[in-house]
Amino acid sequence: MPPQTRSTYRHSTPDRGLNTGDYDTVKKTRFFEAWDARQPGQSLRSITQAHRIDKKTGSNWLQQRLEIGSPAYRRTRPQSQILGRPSKIEKRQIQTLLSPSKNPYRNDPYEAQIAYFDLRVSARQLRRRLTQLTKNAQLYKAVYYKDELSKETEKTRVEYGKRHAGKTVENFWQWVYFTDEFHFDPTSQRAPRVLRETGARYNQENIVPRAPKKGIVLHAAGWVNWHAKCPELLFWHDRTRKA
């Protein structure tokens, strides 16, 4: 090595090639043989230096041999996290499933959608691809609305609004009691579901009409006005008609 001509030492190119990949089988085998035949008191550092490998690399090889045995002697390939063949589901097929205009079965189970589009995969694989290729798309509980407002009820509400449109809180609205009610049918079918992505719950295409109720319906009602509200809800059902 020539004498230094600089006041500050700078690292030069090493006298041996740098290994940027995995060592071959011969290199690993010779290291393991030297380790198994080491003399008492011989350190791991001395063995790795003799075989021109890093001490951390030698330690990793020994740990790998403890875990997997003889395969540690051979060059290891990168192991994939997803085993098996590549998926048959492509991104364009996933977009078709999420499209309201192209998928008339978005509210049905995965099996029905697979059969309609002839995807030839299992429901589990379809769910996995939906998670991988979209914003966590899956079958979510759908938002629904009731579209059974009768003409008579609509007419009554419009007339009431026009009749009291000019009145104020002081001379009228503080004395008005507003009521509301909801109905629950424990024998009805489960809530509808829709295939969509996360964050698209209230998009218009993901809202479905509410199915008519049947069986024994449980009702609840309450009231509120300008000064107070009901202390508790009133409950009744169709059999007794009692609150």
C-alpha atoms as a PDB file:
ATOM      1  CA  MET A   1       0.000   0.000   0.000  1.00  0.00           C
ATOM      2  CA  PRO A   2       1.532   3.393  -0.985  1.00  0.00           C
ATOM      3  CA  PRO A   3       2.280   5.933   1.729  1.00  0.00           C
ATOM      4  CA  GLN A   4      -0.423   8.408   2.741  1.00  0.00           C
ATOM      5  CA  THR A   5      -0.344  11.720   0.880  1.00  0.00           C
ATOM      6  CA  ARG A   6      -3.383  13.239   2.546  1.00  0.00           C
ATOM      7  CA  SER A   7      -3.589  14.736   5.990  1.00  0.00           C
ATOM      8  CA  THR A   8      -6.990  13.072   6.508  1.00  0.00           C
ATOM      9  CA  TYR A   9      -7.305   9.342   5.933  1.00  0.00           C
ATOM     10  CA  ARG A  10     -10.084   8.270   3.600  1.00  0.00           C
ATOM     11  CA  HIS A  11     -11.364   4.753   3.168  1.00  0.00           C
ATOM     12  CA  SER A  12     -10.164   3.085   0.004  1.00  0.00           C
ATOM     13  CA  THR A  13     -11.530   0.191  -1.990  1.00  0.00           C
ATOM     14  CA  PRO A  14     -11.077  -3.044   0.007  1.00  0.00           C
ATOM     15  CA  ASP A  15      -8.610  -5.638  -1.218  1.00  0.00           C
ATOM     16  CA  ARG A  16     -11.379  -8.233  -1.572  1.00  0.00           C
ATOM     17  CA  GLY A  17     -14.693  -8.241  -3.329  1.00  0.00           C
ATOM     18  CA  LEU A  18     -17.839  -7.314  -1.443  1.00  0.00           C
ATOM     19  CA  ASN A  19     -20.505  -9.972  -1.282  1.00  0.00           C
ATOM     20  CA  THR A  20     -23.893  -8.432  -2.009  1.00  0.00           C
ATOM     21  CA  GLY A  21     -25.889 -11.669  -2.123  1.00  0.00           C
ATOM     22  CA  ASP A  22     -26.307 -14.956  -0.327  1.00  0.00           C
ATOM     23  CA  TYR A  23     -23.284 -17.209   0.061  1.00  0.00           C
ATOM     24  CA  ASP A  24     -23.231 -20.472  -1.881  1.00  0.00           C
ATOM     25  CA  THR A  25     -23.591 -23.966  -0.480  1.00  0.00           C
ATOM     26  CA  VAL A  26     -19.838 -24.673  -0.460  1.00  0.00           C
ATOM     27  CA  LYS A  27     -19.100 -21.567   1.594  1.00  0.00           C
ATOM     28  CA  LYS A  28     -21.731 -22.437   4.184  1.00  0.00           C
ATOM     29  CA  THR A  29     -20.709 -26.087   4.389  1.00  0.00           C
ATOM     30  CA  ARG A  30     -17.053 -25.241   5.040  1.00  0.00           C
ATOM     31  CA  PHE A  31     -18.055 -22.829   7.788  1.00  0.00           C
ATOM     32  CA  PHE A  32     -20.251 -25.412   9.524  1.00  0.00           C
ATOM     33  CA  GLU A  33     -17.506 -28.043   9.284  1.00  0.00           C
ATOM     34  CA  ALA A  34     -14.989 -25.639  10.818  1.00  0.00           C
ATOM     35  CA  TRP A  35     -17.408 -24.759  13.603  1.00  0.00           C
ATOM     36  CA  ASP A  36     -18.159 -28.393  14.408  1.00  0.00           C
ATOM     37  CA  ALA A  37     -14.404 -29.213  14.475  1.00  0.00           C
ATOM     38  CA  ARG A  38     -13.348 -26.153  16.462  1.00  0.00           C
ATOM     39  CA  GLN A  39     -10.803 -26.425  19.245  1.00  0.00           C
ATOM     40  CA  PRO A  40     -11.733 -25.752  22.882  1.00  0.00           C
ATOM     41  CA  GLY A  41     -11.702 -22.044  23.499  1.00  0.00           C
ATOM     42  CA  GLN A  42     -11.826 -21.120  19.810  1.00  0.00           C
ATOM     43  CA  SER A  43     -14.221 -18.227  19.322  1.00  0.00           C
ATOM     44  CA  LEU A  44     -16.822 -17.667  16.641  1.00  0.00           C
ATOM     45  CA  ARG A  45     -15.067 -14.474  15.576  1.00  0.00           C
ATOM     46  CA  SER A  46     -11.836 -16.296  14.745  1.00  0.00           C
ATOM     47  CA  ILE A  47     -13.690 -18.866  12.624  1.00  0.00           C
ATOM     48  CA  THR A  48     -15.663 -16.251  10.703  1.00  0.00           C
ATOM     49  CA  GLN A  49     -12.512 -14.226  10.051  1.00  0.00           C
ATOM     50  CA  ALA A  50     -10.762 -17.324   8.717  1.00  0.00           C
ATOM     51  CA  HIS A  51     -13.646 -17.879   6.268  1.00  0.00           C
ATOM     52  CA  ARG A  52     -13.866 -14.172   5.418  1.00  0.00           C
ATOM     53  CA  ILE A  53     -17.456 -13.673   6.581  1.00  0.00           C
ATOM     54  CA  ASP A  54     -18.968 -11.344   9.121  1.00  0.00           C
ATOM     55  CA  LYS A  55     -19.425 -12.545  12.699  1.00  0.00           C
ATOM     56  CA  LYS A  56     -23.140 -11.660  12.558  1.00  0.00           C
ATOM     57  CA  THR A  57     -23.528 -13.734   9.396  1.00  0.00           C
ATOM     58  CA  GLY A  58     -21.963 -16.755  11.064  1.00  0.00           C
ATOM     59  CA  SER A  59     -24.213 -16.331  14.094  1.00  0.00           C
ATOM     60  CA  ASN A  60     -27.285 -16.177  11.839  1.00  0.00           C
ATOM     61  CA  TRP A  61     -26.236 -19.346  10.012  1.00  0.00           C
ATOM     62  CA  LEU A  62     -25.844 -21.240  13.266  1.00  0.00           C
ATOM     63  CA  GLN A  63     -29.267 -20.086  14.442  1.00  0.00           C
ATOM     64  CA  GLN A  64     -30.793 -21.042  11.108  1.00  0.00           C
ATOM     65  CA  ARG A  65     -29.280 -24.529  11.339  1.00  0.00           C
ATOM     66  CA  LEU A  66     -30.863 -24.969  14.758  1.00  0.00           C
ATOM     67  CA  GLU A  67     -34.275 -24.030  13.355  1.00  0.00           C
ATOM     68  CA  ILE A  68     -34.420 -25.809   9.978  1.00  0.00           C
ATOM     69  CA  GLY A  69     -31.561 -28.323  10.109  1.00  0.00           C
ATOM     70  CA  SER A  70     -29.736 -29.450   6.943  1.00  0.00           C
ATOM     71  CA  PRO A  71     -31.497 -26.990   4.556  1.00  0.00           C
ATOM     72  CA  ALA A  72     -29.404 -24.275   6.227  1.00  0.00           C
ATOM     73  CA  TYR A  73     -26.338 -25.643   4.388  1.00  0.00           C
ATOM     74  CA  ARG A  74     -27.804 -24.662   1.021  1.00  0.00           C
ATOM     75  CA  ARG A  75     -28.378 -21.306  -0.571  1.00  0.00           C
ATOM     76  CA  THR A  76     -31.821 -20.148   0.517  1.00  0.00           C
ATOM     77  CA  ARG A  77     -34.275 -18.484  -1.787  1.00  0.00           C
ATOM     78  CA  PRO A  78     -36.577 -15.680  -0.645  1.00  0.00           C
ATOM     79  CA  GLN A  79     -39.721 -17.211   0.794  1.00  0.00           C
ATOM     80  CA  SER A  80     -43.060 -15.803  -0.254  1.00  0.00           C
ATOM     81  CA  GLN A  81     -45.636 -14.895   2.368  1.00  0.00           C
ATOM     82  CA  ILE A  82     -48.430 -16.182   0.104  1.00  0.00           C
ATOM     83  CA  LEU A  83     -48.065 -19.830  -0.794  1.00  0.00           C
ATOM     84  CA  GLY A  84     -49.549 -21.597  -3.778  1.00  0.00           C
ATOM     85  CA  ARG A  85     -50.306 -20.469  -7.299  1.00  0.00           C
ATOM     86  CA  PRO A  86     -51.010 -16.872  -8.305  1.00  0.00           C
ATOM     87  CA  SER A  87     -54.622 -15.872  -7.747  1.00  0.00           C
ATOM     88  CA  LYS A  88     -57.085 -16.166 -10.615  1.00  0.00           C
ATOM     89  CA  ILE A  89     -58.872 -12.980  -9.571  1.00  0.00           C
ATOM     90  CA  GLU A  90     -57.639  -9.858 -11.363  1.00  0.00           C
ATOM     91  CA  LYS A  91     -58.180  -6.228 -10.447  1.00  0.00           C
ATOM     92  CA  ARG A  92     -60.613  -5.634 -13.319  1.00  0.00           C
ATOM     93  CA  GLN A  93     -62.827  -8.444 -12.006  1.00  0.00           C
ATOM     94  CA  ILE A  94     -62.782  -6.898  -8.542  1.00  0.00           C
ATOM     95  CA  GLN A  95     -63.851  -3.548 -10.000  1.00  0.00           C
ATOM     96  CA  THR A  96     -66.718  -5.311 -11.781  1.00  0.00           C
ATOM     97  CA  LEU A  97     -67.902  -6.816  -8.506  1.00  0.00           C
ATOM     98  CA  LEU A  98     -67.922  -3.380  -6.856  1.00  0.00           C
ATOM     99  CA  SER A  99     -69.793  -1.708  -9.721  1.00  0.00           C
ATOM    100  CA  PRO A 100     -73.551  -1.262  -9.040  1.00  0.00           C
ATOM    101  CA  SER A 101     -74.314  -1.250 -12.780  1.00  0.00           C
ATOM    102  CA  LYS A 102     -72.314  -4.395 -13.589  1.00  0.00           C
ATOM    103  CA  ASN A 103     -73.005  -6.530 -10.522  1.00  0.00           C
ATOM    104  CA  PRO A 104     -76.716  -7.155  -9.835  1.00  0.00           C
ATOM    105  CA  TYR A 105     -75.810  -9.474  -6.939  1.00  0.00           C
ATOM    106  CA  ARG A 106     -73.882  -7.037  -4.735  1.00  0.00           C
ATOM    107  CA  ASN A 107     -76.357  -7.690  -1.898  1.00  0.00           C
ATOM    108  CA  ASP A 108     -75.985 -11.478  -2.081  1.00  0.00           C
ATOM    109  CA  PRO A 109     -73.407 -13.768  -0.418  1.00  0.00           C
ATOM    110  CA  TYR A 110     -69.985 -14.268  -1.973  1.00  0.00           C
ATOM    111  CA  GLU A 111     -70.960 -17.694  -3.277  1.00  0.00           C
ATOM    112  CA  ALA A 112     -73.789 -16.241  -5.373  1.00  0.00           C
ATOM    113  CA  GLN A 113     -71.524 -13.603  -6.899  1.00  0.00           C
ATOM    114  CA  ILE A 114     -68.853 -16.201  -7.669  1.00  0.00           C
ATOM    115  CA  ALA A 115     -71.408 -18.382  -9.445  1.00  0.00           C
ATOM    116  CA  TYR A 116     -72.880 -15.475 -11.443  1.00  0.00           C
ATOM    117  CA  PHE A 117     -69.503 -14.288 -12.785  1.00  0.00           C
ATOM    118  CA  ASP A 118     -68.080 -17.841 -13.033  1.00  0.00           C
ATOM    119  CA  LEU A 119     -64.952 -16.885 -11.087  1.00  0.00           C
ATOM    120  CA  ARG A 120     -64.066 -20.483 -10.127  1.00  0.00           C
ATOM    121  CA  VAL A 121     -62.528 -19.557  -6.786  1.00  0.00           C
ATOM    122  CA  SER A 122     -63.560 -20.064  -3.190  1.00  0.00           C
ATOM    123  CA  ALA A 123     -65.247 -17.403  -1.085  1.00  0.00           C
ATOM    124  CA  ARG A 124     -62.162 -17.218   1.118  1.00  0.00           C
ATOM    125  CA  GLN A 125     -59.891 -16.409  -1.825  1.00  0.00           C
ATOM    126  CA  LEU A 126     -62.338 -13.781  -3.078  1.00  0.00           C
ATOM    127  CA  ARG A 127     -62.371 -12.076   0.337  1.00  0.00           C
ATOM    128  CA  ARG A 128     -58.568 -12.091   0.418  1.00  0.00           C
ATOM    129  CA  ARG A 129     -58.306 -10.510  -3.045  1.00  0.00           C
ATOM    130  CA  LEU A 130     -60.876  -7.874  -2.123  1.00  0.00           C
ATOM    131  CA  THR A 131     -58.700  -6.900   0.829  1.00  0.00           C
ATOM    132  CA  GLN A 132     -55.512  -6.851  -1.264  1.00  0.00           C
ATOM    133  CA  LEU A 133     -56.782  -4.921  -4.297  1.00  0.00           C
ATOM    134  CA  THR A 134     -59.262  -2.472  -2.746  1.00  0.00           C
ATOM    135  CA  LYS A 135     -59.806  -0.303   0.294  1.00  0.00           C
ATOM    136  CA  ASN A 136     -60.826  -3.226   2.511  1.00  0.00           C
ATOM    137  CA  ALA A 137     -63.922  -4.052   0.448  1.00  0.00           C
ATOM    138  CA  GLN A 138     -66.273  -6.703   1.831  1.00  0.00           C
ATOM    139  CA  LEU A 139     -69.943  -7.364   2.521  1.00  0.00           C
ATOM    140  CA  TYR A 140     -71.056  -4.663   4.959  1.00  0.00           C
ATOM    141  CA  LYS A 141     -74.434  -4.108   6.564  1.00  0.00           C
ATOM    142  CA  ALA A 142     -76.307  -1.805   4.202  1.00  0.00           C
ATOM    143  CA  VAL A 143     -77.921   1.518   5.029  1.00  0.00           C
ATOM    144  CA  TYR A 144     -81.613   1.334   4.176  1.00  0.00           C
ATOM    145  CA  TYR A 145     -84.547   3.700   3.954  1.00  0.00           C
ATOM    146  CA  LYS A 146     -88.314   3.375   4.056  1.00  0.00           C
ATOM    147  CA  ASP A 147     -90.091   4.499   0.895  1.00  0.00           C
ATOM    148  CA  GLU A 148     -93.690   3.701   1.912  1.00  0.00           C
ATOM    149  CA  LEU A 149     -94.964   7.228   2.644  1.00  0.00           C
ATOM    150  CA  SER A 150     -98.607   7.249   1.568  1.00  0.00           C
ATOM    151  CA  LYS A 151    -100.144  10.038  -0.483  1.00  0.00           C
ATOM    152  CA  GLU A 152    -102.553  10.875   2.343  1.00  0.00           C
ATOM    153  CA  THR A 153     -99.748  11.230   4.907  1.00  0.00           C
ATOM    154  CA  GLU A 154     -97.695  13.357   2.538  1.00  0.00           C
ATOM    155  CA  LYS A 155    -100.685  15.626   1.860  1.00  0.00           C
ATOM    156  CA  THR A 156    -101.371  16.058   5.597  1.00  0.00           C
ATOM    157  CA  ARG A 157     -97.769  17.019   6.325  1.00  0.00           C
ATOM    158  CA  VAL A 158     -97.622  19.558   3.514  1.00  0.00           C
ATOM    159  CA  GLU A 159    -100.882  21.197   4.621  1.00  0.00           C
ATOM    160  CA  TYR A 160     -99.682  21.362   8.237  1.00  0.00           C
ATOM    161  CA  GLY A 161     -96.439  23.030   7.202  1.00  0.00           C
ATOM    162  CA  LYS A 162     -98.202  25.642   5.066  1.00  0.00           C
ATOM    163  CA  ARG A 163    -100.779  26.380   7.770  1.00  0.00           C
ATOM    164  CA  HIS A 164     -98.192  27.163  10.468  1.00  0.00           C
ATOM    165  CA  ALA A 165     -95.310  28.465   8.335  1.00  0.00           C
ATOM    166  CA  GLY A 166     -95.481  32.038   9.677  1.00  0.00           C
ATOM    167  CA  LYS A 167     -95.812  31.234  13.369  1.00  0.00           C
ATOM    168  CA  THR A 168     -93.015  31.700  15.915  1.00  0.00           C
ATOM    169  CA  VAL A 169     -91.768  29.787  18.931  1.00  0.00           C
ATOM    170  CA  GLU A 170     -93.341  32.286  21.351  1.00  0.00           C
ATOM    171  CA  ASN A 171     -96.866  32.227  19.945  1.00  0.00           C
ATOM    172  CA  PHE A 172     -97.139  28.627  18.723  1.00  0.00           C
ATOM    173  CA  TRP A 173     -94.234  26.171  18.407  1.00  0.00           C
ATOM    174  CA  GLN A 174     -93.325  26.042  22.107  1.00  0.00           C
ATOM    175  CA  TRP A 175     -96.690  24.351  22.762  1.00  0.00           C
ATOM    176  CA  VAL A 176     -96.353  21.737  20.018  1.00  0.00           C
ATOM    177  CA  TYR A 177     -95.323  18.193  20.927  1.00  0.00           C
ATOM    178  CA  PHE A 178     -93.266  16.392  18.286  1.00  0.00           C
ATOM    179  CA  THR A 179     -93.450  12.609  18.367  1.00  0.00           C
ATOM    180  CA  ASP A 180     -91.466   9.869  16.684  1.00  0.00           C
ATOM    181  CA  GLU A 181     -91.542   6.099  16.734  1.00  0.00           C
ATOM    182  CA  PHE A 182     -89.615   3.091  15.508  1.00  0.00           C
ATOM    183  CA  HIS A 183     -90.587  -0.521  14.878  1.00  0.00           C
ATOM    184  CA  PHE A 184     -88.622  -3.708  15.361  1.00  0.00           C
ATOM    185  CA  ASP A 185     -89.556  -7.120  14.004  1.00  0.00           C
ATOM    186  CA  PRO A 186     -87.508  -9.904  15.681  1.00  0.00           C
ATOM    187  CA  THR A 187     -88.863 -12.489  13.209  1.00  0.00           C
ATOM    188  CA  SER A 188     -87.871 -10.593  10.079  1.00  0.00           C
ATOM    189  CA  GLN A 189     -84.899 -11.475   7.907  1.00  0.00           C
ATOM    190  CA  ARG A 190     -81.468 -10.123   8.749  1.00  0.00           C
ATOM    191  CA  ALA A 191     -80.416  -6.689   7.612  1.00  0.00           C
ATOM    192  CA  PRO A 192     -79.361  -6.531   3.950  1.00  0.00           C
ATOM    193  CA  ARG A 193     -75.678  -6.404   3.088  1.00  0.00           C
ATOM    194  CA  VAL A 194     -73.848  -4.808   0.185  1.00  0.00           C
ATOM    195  CA  LEU A 195     -70.377  -5.316  -1.281  1.00  0.00           C
ATOM    196  CA  ARG A 196     -68.526  -2.008  -0.955  1.00  0.00           C
ATOM    197  CA  GLU A 197     -65.260  -0.407   0.149  1.00  0.00           C
ATOM    198  CA  THR A 198     -64.537   1.229   3.490  1.00  0.00           C
ATOM    199  CA  GLY A 199     -65.810   4.811   3.657  1.00  0.00           C
ATOM    200  CA  ALA A 200     -68.555   4.356   1.036  1.00  0.00           C
ATOM    201  CA  ARG A 201     -71.381   3.509   3.472  1.00  0.00           C
ATOM    202  CA  TYR A 202     -73.566   6.505   2.640  1.00  0.00           C
ATOM    203  CA  ASN A 203     -72.990   6.585  -1.111  1.00  0.00           C
ATOM    204  CA  GLN A 204     -76.287   6.568  -2.970  1.00  0.00           C
ATOM    205  CA  GLU A 205     -75.595   3.264  -4.734  1.00  0.00           C
ATOM    206  CA  ASN A 206     -74.983   1.530  -1.379  1.00  0.00           C
ATOM    207  CA  ILE A 207     -78.327   2.485   0.211  1.00  0.00           C
ATOM    208  CA  VAL A 208     -81.107  -0.057  -0.263  1.00  0.00           C
ATOM    209  CA  PRO A 209     -84.902   0.078   0.316  1.00  0.00           C
ATOM    210  CA  ARG A 210     -86.175  -1.302   3.588  1.00  0.00           C
ATOM    211  CA  ALA A 211     -88.044  -4.598   3.280  1.00  0.00           C
ATOM    212  CA  PRO A 212     -91.618  -4.782   4.627  1.00  0.00           C
ATOM    213  CA  LYS A 213     -91.963  -6.116   8.174  1.00  0.00           C
ATOM    214  CA  LYS A 214     -93.821  -9.263   9.114  1.00  0.00           C
ATOM    215  CA  GLY A 215     -94.604 -11.240  12.223  1.00  0.00           C
ATOM    216  CA  ILE A 216     -94.863  -9.741  15.714  1.00  0.00           C
ATOM    217  CA  VAL A 217     -93.624  -6.161  15.629  1.00  0.00           C
ATOM    218  CA  LEU A 218     -92.334  -4.303  18.689  1.00  0.00           C
ATOM    219  CA  HIS A 219     -93.049  -0.567  18.669  1.00  0.00           C
ATOM    220  CA  ALA A 220     -91.488   2.314  20.605  1.00  0.00           C
ATOM    221  CA  ALA A 221     -92.359   6.001  20.677  1.00  0.00           C
ATOM    222  CA  GLY A 222     -91.304   9.225  22.340  1.00  0.00           C
ATOM    223  CA  TRP A 223     -92.050  12.960  22.331  1.00  0.00           C
ATOM    224  CA  VAL A 224     -90.259  16.286  22.683  1.00  0.00           C
ATOM    225  CA  ASN A 225     -91.209  19.974  22.650  1.00  0.00           C
ATOM    226  CA  TRP A 226     -89.508  23.316  23.230  1.00  0.00           C
ATOM    227  CA  HIS A 227     -89.437  22.928  27.024  1.00  0.00           C
ATOM    228  CA  ALA A 228     -89.041  19.210  27.770  1.00  0.00           C
ATOM    229  CA  LYS A 229     -88.825  15.689  26.435  1.00  0.00           C
ATOM    230  CA  CYS A 230     -90.332  12.378  27.465  1.00  0.00           C
ATOM    231  CA  PRO A 231     -88.601  10.850  30.512  1.00  0.00           C
ATOM    232  CA  GLU A 232     -88.669   7.372  28.937  1.00  0.00           C
ATOM    233  CA  LEU A 233     -89.761   5.652  25.747  1.00  0.00           C
ATOM    234  CA  LEU A 234     -93.115   3.897  25.438  1.00  0.00           C
ATOM    235  CA  PHE A 235     -93.062   0.293  24.197  1.00  0.00           C
ATOM    236  CA  TRP A 236     -95.845  -1.978  22.964  1.00  0.00           C
ATOM    237  CA  HIS A 237     -96.327  -4.855  20.507  1.00  0.00           C
ATOM    238  CA  ASP A 238     -99.060  -6.091  18.203  1.00  0.00           C
ATOM    239  CA  ARG A 239    -100.403  -8.841  20.482  1.00  0.00           C
ATOM    240  CA  THR A 240    -101.439  -6.798  23.507  1.00  0.00           C
ATOM    241  CA  ARG A 241    -101.656  -3.273  22.065  1.00  0.00           C
ATOM    242  CA  LYS A 242    -100.718  -2.055  25.556  1.00  0.00           C
ATOM    243  CA  ALA A 243     -98.009   0.493  26.317  1.00  0.00           C
END
